[in-house]
């Protein structure tokens, strides 16, 4: 999968769901691999805004993915 940007927990949940489905994993299997509850994973994939970032990182890591931080050119323009 090519690089995908997200800016909100909802967008991150959508990306995670896509990666999980692409990998052919059920929510139960990914939750077990990531060390999170299935309920947490369901909530995250559905855009629950209050999520624990360490669990988010664990869920993505369980799919063999990592984060890159990039400067958003639109946001940079707003800061000037």
PDB file of N, CA and C in Angstrom:
ATOM      1  N   UNK A   1       0.845  -1.173   0.000  1.00  0.00           N
ATOM      2  CA  UNK A   1       0.000   0.000   0.000  1.00  0.00           C
ATOM      3  C   UNK A   1       0.891   1.238   0.000  1.00  0.00           C
ATOM      4  N   UNK A   2       0.494   2.218  -0.751  1.00  0.00           N
ATOM      5  CA  UNK A   2       1.264   3.454  -0.785  1.00  0.00           C
ATOM      6  C   UNK A   2       0.994   4.283   0.469  1.00  0.00           C
ATOM      7  N   UNK A   3       1.780   5.302   0.680  1.00  0.00           N
ATOM      8  CA  UNK A   3       1.630   6.158   1.851  1.00  0.00           C
ATOM      9  C   UNK A   3       0.236   6.778   1.876  1.00  0.00           C
ATOM     10  N   UNK A   4      -0.352   6.802   3.045  1.00  0.00           N
ATOM     11  CA  UNK A   4      -1.681   7.375   3.237  1.00  0.00           C
ATOM     12  C   UNK A   4      -1.614   8.344   4.397  1.00  0.00           C
ATOM     13  N   UNK A   5      -2.142   9.529   4.196  1.00  0.00           N
ATOM     14  CA  UNK A   5      -2.149  10.523   5.271  1.00  0.00           C
ATOM     15  C   UNK A   5      -3.493  10.509   5.983  1.00  0.00           C
ATOM     16  N   UNK A   6      -3.439  10.772   7.272  1.00  0.00           N
ATOM     17  CA  UNK A   6      -4.668  11.003   8.025  1.00  0.00           C
ATOM     18  C   UNK A   6      -4.399  12.083   9.045  1.00  0.00           C
ATOM     19  N   UNK A   7      -5.434  12.829   9.366  1.00  0.00           N
ATOM     20  CA  UNK A   7      -5.291  13.959  10.291  1.00  0.00           C
ATOM     21  C   UNK A   7      -6.181  13.841  11.526  1.00  0.00           C
ATOM     22  N   UNK A   8      -7.132  12.926  11.490  1.00  0.00           N
ATOM     23  CA  UNK A   8      -8.071  12.791  12.602  1.00  0.00           C
ATOM     24  C   UNK A   8      -8.148  11.335  13.033  1.00  0.00           C
ATOM     25  N   UNK A   9      -8.630  11.073  14.246  1.00  0.00           N
ATOM     26  CA  UNK A   9      -8.822   9.677  14.661  1.00  0.00           C
ATOM     27  C   UNK A   9      -9.766   8.931  13.714  1.00  0.00           C
ATOM     28  N   UNK A  10     -10.794   9.618  13.231  1.00  0.00           N
ATOM     29  CA  UNK A  10     -11.723   8.963  12.306  1.00  0.00           C
ATOM     30  C   UNK A  10     -11.007   8.525  11.039  1.00  0.00           C
ATOM     31  N   UNK A  11     -10.191   9.403  10.464  1.00  0.00           N
ATOM     32  CA  UNK A  11      -9.435   9.042   9.262  1.00  0.00           C
ATOM     33  C   UNK A  11      -8.460   7.903   9.552  1.00  0.00           C
ATOM     34  N   UNK A  12      -7.816   7.923  10.709  1.00  0.00           N
ATOM     35  CA  UNK A  12      -6.880   6.855  11.074  1.00  0.00           C
ATOM     36  C   UNK A  12      -7.618   5.523  11.183  1.00  0.00           C
ATOM     37  N   UNK A  13      -8.815   5.539  11.752  1.00  0.00           N
ATOM     38  CA  UNK A  13      -9.616   4.319  11.859  1.00  0.00           C
ATOM     39  C   UNK A  13      -9.982   3.757  10.502  1.00  0.00           C
ATOM     40  N   UNK A  14     -10.310   4.643   9.574  1.00  0.00           N
ATOM     41  CA  UNK A  14     -10.639   4.206   8.216  1.00  0.00           C
ATOM     42  C   UNK A  14      -9.423   3.569   7.552  1.00  0.00           C
ATOM     43  N   UNK A  15      -8.267   4.187   7.727  1.00  0.00           N
ATOM     44  CA  UNK A  15      -7.036   3.643   7.148  1.00  0.00           C
ATOM     45  C   UNK A  15      -6.743   2.272   7.757  1.00  0.00           C
ATOM     46  N   UNK A  16      -6.859   2.162   9.074  1.00  0.00           N
ATOM     47  CA  UNK A  16      -6.585   0.886   9.731  1.00  0.00           C
ATOM     48  C   UNK A  16      -7.548  -0.188   9.219  1.00  0.00           C
ATOM     49  N   UNK A  17      -8.829   0.142   9.114  1.00  0.00           N
ATOM     50  CA  UNK A  17      -9.805  -0.837   8.621  1.00  0.00           C
ATOM     51  C   UNK A  17      -9.420  -1.310   7.211  1.00  0.00           C
ATOM     52  N   UNK A  18      -9.042  -0.360   6.354  1.00  0.00           N
ATOM     53  CA  UNK A  18      -8.645  -0.715   4.990  1.00  0.00           C
ATOM     54  C   UNK A  18      -7.438  -1.659   5.003  1.00  0.00           C
ATOM     55  N   UNK A  19      -6.440  -1.341   5.801  1.00  0.00           N
ATOM     56  CA  UNK A  19      -5.253  -2.195   5.892  1.00  0.00           C
ATOM     57  C   UNK A  19      -5.601  -3.583   6.428  1.00  0.00           C
ATOM     58  N   UNK A  20      -6.472  -3.624   7.431  1.00  0.00           N
ATOM     59  CA  UNK A  20      -6.877  -4.903   8.016  1.00  0.00           C
ATOM     60  C   UNK A  20      -7.594  -5.758   6.975  1.00  0.00           C
ATOM     61  N   UNK A  21      -8.542  -5.134   6.272  1.00  0.00           N
ATOM     62  CA  UNK A  21      -9.290  -5.872   5.258  1.00  0.00           C
ATOM     63  C   UNK A  21      -8.372  -6.320   4.121  1.00  0.00           C
ATOM     64  N   UNK A  22      -7.444  -5.455   3.729  1.00  0.00           N
ATOM     65  CA  UNK A  22      -6.477  -5.791   2.678  1.00  0.00           C
ATOM     66  C   UNK A  22      -5.621  -6.995   3.094  1.00  0.00           C
ATOM     67  N   UNK A  23      -5.322  -7.085   4.388  1.00  0.00           N
ATOM     68  CA  UNK A  23      -4.528  -8.199   4.909  1.00  0.00           C
ATOM     69  C   UNK A  23      -5.375  -9.452   5.123  1.00  0.00           C
ATOM     70  N   UNK A  24      -6.683  -9.323   4.954  1.00  0.00           N
ATOM     71  CA  UNK A  24      -7.571 -10.476   5.121  1.00  0.00           C
ATOM     72  C   UNK A  24      -7.763 -10.896   6.565  1.00  0.00           C
ATOM     73  N   UNK A  25      -7.645  -9.939   7.486  1.00  0.00           N
ATOM     74  CA  UNK A  25      -7.780 -10.245   8.908  1.00  0.00           C
ATOM     75  C   UNK A  25      -9.148  -9.814   9.436  1.00  0.00           C
ATOM     76  N   UNK A  26      -9.661 -10.596  10.362  1.00  0.00           N
ATOM     77  CA  UNK A  26     -10.883 -10.191  11.058  1.00  0.00           C
ATOM     78  C   UNK A  26     -10.514  -9.196  12.153  1.00  0.00           C
ATOM     79  N   UNK A  27     -11.521  -8.519  12.663  1.00  0.00           N
ATOM     80  CA  UNK A  27     -11.266  -7.604  13.776  1.00  0.00           C
ATOM     81  C   UNK A  27     -10.756  -8.366  14.989  1.00  0.00           C
ATOM     82  N   UNK A  28     -11.287  -9.546  15.219  1.00  0.00           N
ATOM     83  CA  UNK A  28     -10.861 -10.343  16.379  1.00  0.00           C
ATOM     84  C   UNK A  28      -9.386 -10.723  16.275  1.00  0.00           C
ATOM     85  N   UNK A  29      -8.955 -11.125  15.089  1.00  0.00           N
ATOM     86  CA  UNK A  29      -7.555 -11.528  14.909  1.00  0.00           C
ATOM     87  C   UNK A  29      -6.628 -10.330  15.074  1.00  0.00           C
ATOM     88  N   UNK A  30      -6.960  -9.207  14.443  1.00  0.00           N
ATOM     89  CA  UNK A  30      -6.094  -8.031  14.584  1.00  0.00           C
ATOM     90  C   UNK A  30      -6.066  -7.555  16.028  1.00  0.00           C
ATOM     91  N   UNK A  31      -7.206  -7.548  16.687  1.00  0.00           N
ATOM     92  CA  UNK A  31      -7.243  -7.121  18.087  1.00  0.00           C
ATOM     93  C   UNK A  31      -6.317  -7.980  18.935  1.00  0.00           C
ATOM     94  N   UNK A  32      -6.363  -9.282  18.715  1.00  0.00           N
ATOM     95  CA  UNK A  32      -5.490 -10.184  19.482  1.00  0.00           C
ATOM     96  C   UNK A  32      -4.025  -9.902  19.182  1.00  0.00           C
ATOM     97  N   UNK A  33      -3.685  -9.740  17.911  1.00  0.00           N
ATOM     98  CA  UNK A  33      -2.289  -9.467  17.544  1.00  0.00           C
ATOM     99  C   UNK A  33      -1.792  -8.149  18.111  1.00  0.00           C
ATOM    100  N   UNK A  34      -2.688  -7.153  18.177  1.00  0.00           N
ATOM    101  CA  UNK A  34      -2.300  -5.824  18.658  1.00  0.00           C
ATOM    102  C   UNK A  34      -2.366  -5.711  20.174  1.00  0.00           C
ATOM    103  N   UNK A  35      -2.977  -6.696  20.825  1.00  0.00           N
ATOM    104  CA  UNK A  35      -3.108  -6.638  22.282  1.00  0.00           C
ATOM    105  C   UNK A  35      -4.162  -5.653  22.745  1.00  0.00           C
ATOM    106  N   UNK A  36      -5.208  -5.479  21.921  1.00  0.00           N
ATOM    107  CA  UNK A  36      -6.324  -4.601  22.278  1.00  0.00           C
ATOM    108  C   UNK A  36      -7.600  -5.426  22.272  1.00  0.00           C
ATOM    109  N   UNK A  37      -8.651  -4.890  22.856  1.00  0.00           N
ATOM    110  CA  UNK A  37      -9.917  -5.611  22.822  1.00  0.00           C
ATOM    111  C   UNK A  37     -10.589  -5.428  21.464  1.00  0.00           C
ATOM    112  N   UNK A  38     -11.419  -6.394  21.109  1.00  0.00           N
ATOM    113  CA  UNK A  38     -12.155  -6.264  19.855  1.00  0.00           C
ATOM    114  C   UNK A  38     -13.046  -5.029  19.920  1.00  0.00           C
ATOM    115  N   UNK A  39     -13.653  -4.754  21.065  1.00  0.00           N
ATOM    116  CA  UNK A  39     -14.528  -3.588  21.223  1.00  0.00           C
ATOM    117  C   UNK A  39     -13.744  -2.312  20.941  1.00  0.00           C
ATOM    118  N   UNK A  40     -12.518  -2.212  21.462  1.00  0.00           N
ATOM    119  CA  UNK A  40     -11.696  -1.024  21.214  1.00  0.00           C
ATOM    120  C   UNK A  40     -11.450  -0.865  19.719  1.00  0.00           C
ATOM    121  N   UNK A  41     -11.095  -1.975  19.054  1.00  0.00           N
ATOM    122  CA  UNK A  41     -10.814  -1.921  17.623  1.00  0.00           C
ATOM    123  C   UNK A  41     -12.051  -1.500  16.828  1.00  0.00           C
ATOM    124  N   UNK A  42     -13.199  -2.057  17.163  1.00  0.00           N
ATOM    125  CA  UNK A  42     -14.448  -1.675  16.493  1.00  0.00           C
ATOM    126  C   UNK A  42     -14.695  -0.183  16.673  1.00  0.00           C
ATOM    127  N   UNK A  43     -14.557   0.305  17.898  1.00  0.00           N
ATOM    128  CA  UNK A  43     -14.768   1.736  18.162  1.00  0.00           C
ATOM    129  C   UNK A  43     -13.788   2.595  17.362  1.00  0.00           C
ATOM    130  N   UNK A  44     -12.522   2.197  17.335  1.00  0.00           N
ATOM    131  CA  UNK A  44     -11.517   2.969  16.607  1.00  0.00           C
ATOM    132  C   UNK A  44     -11.820   2.989  15.117  1.00  0.00           C
ATOM    133  N   UNK A  45     -12.112   1.833  14.538  1.00  0.00           N
ATOM    134  CA  UNK A  45     -12.414   1.779  13.112  1.00  0.00           C
ATOM    135  C   UNK A  45     -13.658   2.583  12.756  1.00  0.00           C
ATOM    136  N   UNK A  46     -14.534   2.758  13.731  1.00  0.00           N
ATOM    137  CA  UNK A  46     -15.761   3.533  13.499  1.00  0.00           C
ATOM    138  C   UNK A  46     -15.623   5.006  13.859  1.00  0.00           C
ATOM    139  N   UNK A  47     -14.404   5.440  14.160  1.00  0.00           N
ATOM    140  CA  UNK A  47     -14.149   6.862  14.328  1.00  0.00           C
ATOM    141  C   UNK A  47     -14.322   7.436  15.712  1.00  0.00           C
ATOM    142  N   UNK A  48     -14.315   6.588  16.736  1.00  0.00           N
ATOM    143  CA  UNK A  48     -14.415   7.118  18.098  1.00  0.00           C
ATOM    144  C   UNK A  48     -13.257   8.083  18.338  1.00  0.00           C
ATOM    145  N   UNK A  49     -13.561   9.327  18.696  1.00  0.00           N
ATOM    146  CA  UNK A  49     -12.519  10.353  18.780  1.00  0.00           C
ATOM    147  C   UNK A  49     -11.557  10.214  19.961  1.00  0.00           C
ATOM    148  N   UNK A  50     -11.963   9.579  21.036  1.00  0.00           N
ATOM    149  CA  UNK A  50     -11.070   9.492  22.196  1.00  0.00           C
ATOM    150  C   UNK A  50     -10.403   8.113  22.203  1.00  0.00           C
ATOM    151  N   UNK A  51      -9.205   8.080  21.665  1.00  0.00           N
ATOM    152  CA  UNK A  51      -8.462   6.821  21.603  1.00  0.00           C
ATOM    153  C   UNK A  51      -7.095   7.016  22.244  1.00  0.00           C
ATOM    154  N   UNK A  52      -6.563   5.941  22.767  1.00  0.00           N
ATOM    155  CA  UNK A  52      -5.239   5.944  23.373  1.00  0.00           C
ATOM    156  C   UNK A  52      -4.211   5.791  22.261  1.00  0.00           C
ATOM    157  N   UNK A  53      -3.357   6.779  22.076  1.00  0.00           N
ATOM    158  CA  UNK A  53      -2.403   6.772  20.969  1.00  0.00           C
ATOM    159  C   UNK A  53      -1.488   5.557  21.004  1.00  0.00           C
ATOM    160  N   UNK A  54      -1.118   5.093  22.172  1.00  0.00           N
ATOM    161  CA  UNK A  54      -0.238   3.918  22.229  1.00  0.00           C
ATOM    162  C   UNK A  54      -0.953   2.691  21.668  1.00  0.00           C
ATOM    163  N   UNK A  55      -2.256   2.576  21.909  1.00  0.00           N
ATOM    164  CA  UNK A  55      -3.014   1.461  21.346  1.00  0.00           C
ATOM    165  C   UNK A  55      -3.159   1.606  19.833  1.00  0.00           C
ATOM    166  N   UNK A  56      -3.335   2.837  19.369  1.00  0.00           N
ATOM    167  CA  UNK A  56      -3.403   3.088  17.918  1.00  0.00           C
ATOM    168  C   UNK A  56      -2.107   2.616  17.268  1.00  0.00           C
ATOM    169  N   UNK A  57      -0.990   2.989  17.856  1.00  0.00           N
ATOM    170  CA  UNK A  57       0.306   2.592  17.300  1.00  0.00           C
ATOM    171  C   UNK A  57       0.476   1.076  17.340  1.00  0.00           C
ATOM    172  N   UNK A  58       0.014   0.434  18.417  1.00  0.00           N
ATOM    173  CA  UNK A  58       0.093  -1.028  18.507  1.00  0.00           C
ATOM    174  C   UNK A  58      -0.737  -1.687  17.408  1.00  0.00           C
ATOM    175  N   UNK A  59      -1.918  -1.144  17.133  1.00  0.00           N
ATOM    176  CA  UNK A  59      -2.793  -1.718  16.106  1.00  0.00           C
ATOM    177  C   UNK A  59      -2.152  -1.604  14.727  1.00  0.00           C
ATOM    178  N   UNK A  60      -1.596  -0.447  14.410  1.00  0.00           N
ATOM    179  CA  UNK A  60      -0.922  -0.295  13.117  1.00  0.00           C
ATOM    180  C   UNK A  60       0.314  -1.186  13.046  1.00  0.00           C
ATOM    181  N   UNK A  61       1.074  -1.269  14.128  1.00  0.00           N
ATOM    182  CA  UNK A  61       2.280  -2.104  14.142  1.00  0.00           C
ATOM    183  C   UNK A  61       1.937  -3.572  13.922  1.00  0.00           C
ATOM    184  N   UNK A  62       0.791  -4.014  14.430  1.00  0.00           N
ATOM    185  CA  UNK A  62       0.372  -5.400  14.247  1.00  0.00           C
ATOM    186  C   UNK A  62       0.118  -5.720  12.780  1.00  0.00           C
ATOM    187  N   UNK A  63      -0.081  -4.681  11.978  1.00  0.00           N
ATOM    188  CA  UNK A  63      -0.254  -4.862  10.529  1.00  0.00           C
ATOM    189  C   UNK A  63       1.053  -4.618   9.774  1.00  0.00           C
ATOM    190  N   UNK A  64       2.139  -4.423  10.509  1.00  0.00           N
ATOM    191  CA  UNK A  64       3.439  -4.215   9.880  1.00  0.00           C
ATOM    192  C   UNK A  64       3.600  -2.827   9.287  1.00  0.00           C
ATOM    193  N   UNK A  65       2.896  -1.852   9.845  1.00  0.00           N
ATOM    194  CA  UNK A  65       2.998  -0.485   9.346  1.00  0.00           C
ATOM    195  C   UNK A  65       3.606   0.419  10.412  1.00  0.00           C
ATOM    196  N   UNK A  66       4.046   1.594   9.972  1.00  0.00           N
ATOM    197  CA  UNK A  66       4.653   2.566  10.881  1.00  0.00           C
ATOM    198  C   UNK A  66       4.184   3.958  10.487  1.00  0.00           C
ATOM    199  N   UNK A  67       4.515   4.926  11.307  1.00  0.00           N
ATOM    200  CA  UNK A  67       4.126   6.311  11.064  1.00  0.00           C
ATOM    201  C   UNK A  67       5.301   7.132  10.566  1.00  0.00           C
ATOM    202  N   UNK A  68       5.027   8.033   9.666  1.00  0.00           N
ATOM    203  CA  UNK A  68       5.958   9.083   9.271  1.00  0.00           C
ATOM    204  C   UNK A  68       5.267  10.405   9.569  1.00  0.00           C
ATOM    205  N   UNK A  69       5.980  11.318  10.142  1.00  0.00           N
ATOM    206  CA  UNK A  69       5.423  12.647  10.386  1.00  0.00           C
ATOM    207  C   UNK A  69       5.868  13.542   9.246  1.00  0.00           C
ATOM    208  N   UNK A  70       4.914  14.188   8.599  1.00  0.00           N
ATOM    209  CA  UNK A  70       5.216  15.074   7.479  1.00  0.00           C
ATOM    210  C   UNK A  70       4.584  16.427   7.726  1.00  0.00           C
ATOM    211  N   UNK A  71       5.219  17.438   7.216  1.00  0.00           N
ATOM    212  CA  UNK A  71       4.674  18.777   7.338  1.00  0.00           C
ATOM    213  C   UNK A  71       3.540  18.937   6.331  1.00  0.00           C
ATOM    214  N   UNK A  72       2.434  19.436   6.804  1.00  0.00           N
ATOM    215  CA  UNK A  72       1.274  19.705   5.957  1.00  0.00           C
ATOM    216  C   UNK A  72       1.432  21.112   5.414  1.00  0.00           C
ATOM    217  N   UNK A  73       1.625  21.235   4.119  1.00  0.00           N
ATOM    218  CA  UNK A  73       1.894  22.552   3.528  1.00  0.00           C
ATOM    219  C   UNK A  73       0.742  23.525   3.755  1.00  0.00           C
ATOM    220  N   UNK A  74      -0.489  23.028   3.779  1.00  0.00           N
ATOM    221  CA  UNK A  74      -1.646  23.901   4.039  1.00  0.00           C
ATOM    222  C   UNK A  74      -1.578  24.443   5.467  1.00  0.00           C
ATOM    223  N   UNK A  75      -1.220  23.587   6.420  1.00  0.00           N
ATOM    224  CA  UNK A  75      -1.130  24.009   7.813  1.00  0.00           C
ATOM    225  C   UNK A  75       0.025  24.972   8.018  1.00  0.00           C
ATOM    226  N   UNK A  76       1.124  24.773   7.304  1.00  0.00           N
ATOM    227  CA  UNK A  76       2.258  25.681   7.412  1.00  0.00           C
ATOM    228  C   UNK A  76       1.853  27.080   6.978  1.00  0.00           C
ATOM    229  N   UNK A  77       1.079  27.181   5.920  1.00  0.00           N
ATOM    230  CA  UNK A  77       0.621  28.479   5.432  1.00  0.00           C
ATOM    231  C   UNK A  77      -0.251  29.191   6.446  1.00  0.00           C
ATOM    232  N   UNK A  78      -1.039  28.439   7.206  1.00  0.00           N
ATOM    233  CA  UNK A  78      -1.914  29.020   8.220  1.00  0.00           C
ATOM    234  C   UNK A  78      -1.114  29.551   9.398  1.00  0.00           C
ATOM    235  N   UNK A  79       0.060  28.972   9.668  1.00  0.00           N
ATOM    236  CA  UNK A  79       0.855  29.386  10.818  1.00  0.00           C
ATOM    237  C   UNK A  79       1.619  30.670  10.568  1.00  0.00           C
ATOM    238  N   UNK A  80       1.744  31.067   9.335  1.00  0.00           N
ATOM    239  CA  UNK A  80       2.542  32.270   9.006  1.00  0.00           C
ATOM    240  C   UNK A  80       1.785  33.511   9.248  1.00  0.00           C
TER     241      UNK A  80
END
